[in-house]
Amino acid sequence: MPPSEDCCKTIKALDAHASCICDYVGSPDARNKLDLDKVFFVTKQCGVTVPKGCGSKQD
């Protein structure tokens, strides 16, 4: 099921290129709380580009 228009508006309002978002997506907290496959599915469906390496596992 594709994300709603309101969902995409919210996603587009975020700056995915901001380091704090990428840092959070790669954090253990996010990996435990979020389904990252769904996160990246929604961003793709909404036409939002996620920077390469964003959400990579951190040591």
N, C-alpha and C. Protein backbone atom coordinates (compact mmCIF):
# COMPACT_ATOMS: atom_id res chain seq x y z
N MET A 1 0.85 -1.17 0.00
CA MET A 1 0.00 0.00 0.00
C MET A 1 0.90 1.24 0.00
N PRO A 2 0.68 2.13 -0.92
CA PRO A 2 1.50 3.35 -0.97
C PRO A 2 1.15 4.29 0.19
N PRO A 3 2.10 5.14 0.58
CA PRO A 3 1.84 6.11 1.65
C PRO A 3 0.81 7.15 1.19
N SER A 4 0.11 7.70 2.17
CA SER A 4 -0.90 8.73 1.87
C SER A 4 -0.23 10.03 1.44
N GLU A 5 -1.04 10.91 0.87
CA GLU A 5 -0.53 12.23 0.46
C GLU A 5 -0.02 13.00 1.68
N ASP A 6 -0.75 12.91 2.80
CA ASP A 6 -0.31 13.60 4.02
C ASP A 6 1.02 13.04 4.53
N CYS A 7 1.17 11.72 4.44
CA CYS A 7 2.43 11.10 4.86
C CYS A 7 3.57 11.63 4.00
N CYS A 8 3.38 11.67 2.70
CA CYS A 8 4.43 12.16 1.80
C CYS A 8 4.75 13.63 2.06
N LYS A 9 3.74 14.43 2.36
CA LYS A 9 3.99 15.85 2.68
C LYS A 9 4.89 15.96 3.90
N THR A 10 4.64 15.12 4.90
CA THR A 10 5.45 15.13 6.12
C THR A 10 6.88 14.70 5.81
N ILE A 11 7.02 13.63 5.05
CA ILE A 11 8.35 13.12 4.69
C ILE A 11 9.13 14.15 3.88
N LYS A 12 8.45 14.81 2.95
CA LYS A 12 9.12 15.81 2.11
C LYS A 12 9.53 17.04 2.91
N ALA A 13 8.82 17.32 4.01
CA ALA A 13 9.15 18.48 4.84
C ALA A 13 10.43 18.25 5.65
N LEU A 14 10.80 16.98 5.84
CA LEU A 14 12.03 16.66 6.56
C LEU A 14 13.21 16.81 5.62
N ASP A 15 14.34 17.15 6.17
CA ASP A 15 15.55 17.24 5.36
C ASP A 15 16.34 15.96 5.55
N ALA A 16 16.16 15.00 4.65
CA ALA A 16 16.84 13.71 4.77
C ALA A 16 18.35 13.85 4.66
N HIS A 17 18.81 14.98 4.14
CA HIS A 17 20.24 15.19 4.00
C HIS A 17 20.87 15.76 5.27
N ALA A 18 20.03 16.09 6.26
CA ALA A 18 20.56 16.58 7.53
C ALA A 18 21.23 15.40 8.25
N SER A 19 22.42 15.62 8.74
CA SER A 19 23.17 14.52 9.34
C SER A 19 22.46 13.93 10.55
N CYS A 20 21.69 14.72 11.28
CA CYS A 20 21.04 14.17 12.48
C CYS A 20 20.02 13.10 12.11
N ILE A 21 19.36 13.23 10.97
CA ILE A 21 18.40 12.21 10.55
C ILE A 21 19.15 10.93 10.18
N CYS A 22 20.20 11.06 9.42
CA CYS A 22 20.97 9.87 9.04
C CYS A 22 21.62 9.23 10.26
N ASP A 23 22.09 10.05 11.18
CA ASP A 23 22.67 9.51 12.41
C ASP A 23 21.62 8.72 13.19
N TYR A 24 20.39 9.24 13.26
CA TYR A 24 19.34 8.54 14.00
C TYR A 24 18.96 7.24 13.30
N VAL A 25 18.78 7.29 12.00
CA VAL A 25 18.37 6.09 11.26
C VAL A 25 19.41 4.98 11.43
N GLY A 26 20.66 5.33 11.60
CA GLY A 26 21.72 4.34 11.79
C GLY A 26 21.94 3.93 13.22
N SER A 27 21.21 4.53 14.15
CA SER A 27 21.41 4.25 15.57
C SER A 27 20.75 2.94 15.98
N PRO A 28 21.25 2.32 17.05
CA PRO A 28 20.61 1.10 17.56
C PRO A 28 19.16 1.35 17.95
N ASP A 29 18.85 2.53 18.48
CA ASP A 29 17.48 2.86 18.88
C ASP A 29 16.54 2.76 17.68
N ALA A 30 16.93 3.35 16.57
CA ALA A 30 16.09 3.32 15.37
C ALA A 30 15.99 1.91 14.81
N ARG A 31 17.11 1.21 14.79
CA ARG A 31 17.09 -0.16 14.24
C ARG A 31 16.18 -1.07 15.07
N ASN A 32 16.06 -0.78 16.36
CA ASN A 32 15.19 -1.58 17.23
C ASN A 32 13.73 -1.16 17.14
N LYS A 33 13.46 0.09 16.80
CA LYS A 33 12.10 0.62 16.82
C LYS A 33 11.46 0.74 15.44
N LEU A 34 12.27 0.87 14.40
CA LEU A 34 11.74 1.11 13.06
C LEU A 34 12.00 -0.07 12.14
N ASP A 35 11.11 -0.29 11.21
CA ASP A 35 11.34 -1.24 10.13
C ASP A 35 11.98 -0.43 9.01
N LEU A 36 13.30 -0.52 8.90
CA LEU A 36 14.02 0.32 7.95
C LEU A 36 13.64 0.02 6.50
N ASP A 37 13.21 -1.20 6.22
CA ASP A 37 12.72 -1.49 4.87
C ASP A 37 11.51 -0.62 4.55
N LYS A 38 10.63 -0.45 5.54
CA LYS A 38 9.45 0.39 5.34
C LYS A 38 9.84 1.86 5.24
N VAL A 39 10.81 2.28 6.05
CA VAL A 39 11.27 3.67 5.99
C VAL A 39 11.75 4.00 4.58
N PHE A 40 12.59 3.13 4.02
CA PHE A 40 13.14 3.40 2.69
C PHE A 40 12.08 3.20 1.60
N PHE A 41 11.11 2.30 1.80
CA PHE A 41 10.00 2.14 0.86
C PHE A 41 9.19 3.43 0.78
N VAL A 42 8.85 3.98 1.95
CA VAL A 42 8.02 5.19 1.99
C VAL A 42 8.76 6.37 1.35
N THR A 43 10.03 6.53 1.68
CA THR A 43 10.76 7.66 1.09
C THR A 43 10.83 7.52 -0.43
N LYS A 44 11.04 6.31 -0.92
CA LYS A 44 11.09 6.10 -2.37
C LYS A 44 9.73 6.40 -3.00
N GLN A 45 8.65 5.91 -2.40
CA GLN A 45 7.31 6.13 -2.93
C GLN A 45 6.95 7.61 -2.95
N CYS A 46 7.49 8.36 -1.99
CA CYS A 46 7.20 9.79 -1.90
C CYS A 46 8.15 10.63 -2.75
N GLY A 47 9.11 9.98 -3.40
CA GLY A 47 10.04 10.71 -4.25
C GLY A 47 11.12 11.44 -3.49
N VAL A 48 11.43 10.96 -2.29
CA VAL A 48 12.46 11.58 -1.46
C VAL A 48 13.73 10.75 -1.59
N THR A 49 14.83 11.42 -1.89
CA THR A 49 16.11 10.75 -2.02
C THR A 49 16.79 10.69 -0.66
N VAL A 50 17.18 9.49 -0.27
CA VAL A 50 17.93 9.31 0.97
C VAL A 50 19.40 9.25 0.59
N PRO A 51 20.24 10.04 1.27
CA PRO A 51 21.66 10.05 0.92
C PRO A 51 22.30 8.66 1.02
N LYS A 52 23.22 8.37 0.12
CA LYS A 52 23.94 7.10 0.15
C LYS A 52 24.62 6.94 1.50
N GLY A 53 24.47 5.77 2.10
CA GLY A 53 25.09 5.50 3.39
C GLY A 53 24.25 5.92 4.58
N CYS A 54 23.16 6.62 4.33
CA CYS A 54 22.29 7.05 5.43
C CYS A 54 21.65 5.81 6.04
N GLY A 55 21.79 5.68 7.34
CA GLY A 55 21.22 4.52 8.03
C GLY A 55 22.18 3.36 8.13
N SER A 56 23.43 3.56 7.70
CA SER A 56 24.42 2.50 7.83
C SER A 56 24.65 2.21 9.30
N LYS A 57 24.96 0.96 9.57
CA LYS A 57 25.21 0.58 10.97
C LYS A 57 26.42 1.33 11.49
N GLN A 58 26.28 1.77 12.74
CA GLN A 58 27.37 2.48 13.39
C GLN A 58 28.03 1.54 14.40
N ASP A 59 29.30 1.77 14.68
CA ASP A 59 29.99 0.98 15.70
C ASP A 59 29.71 1.54 17.06
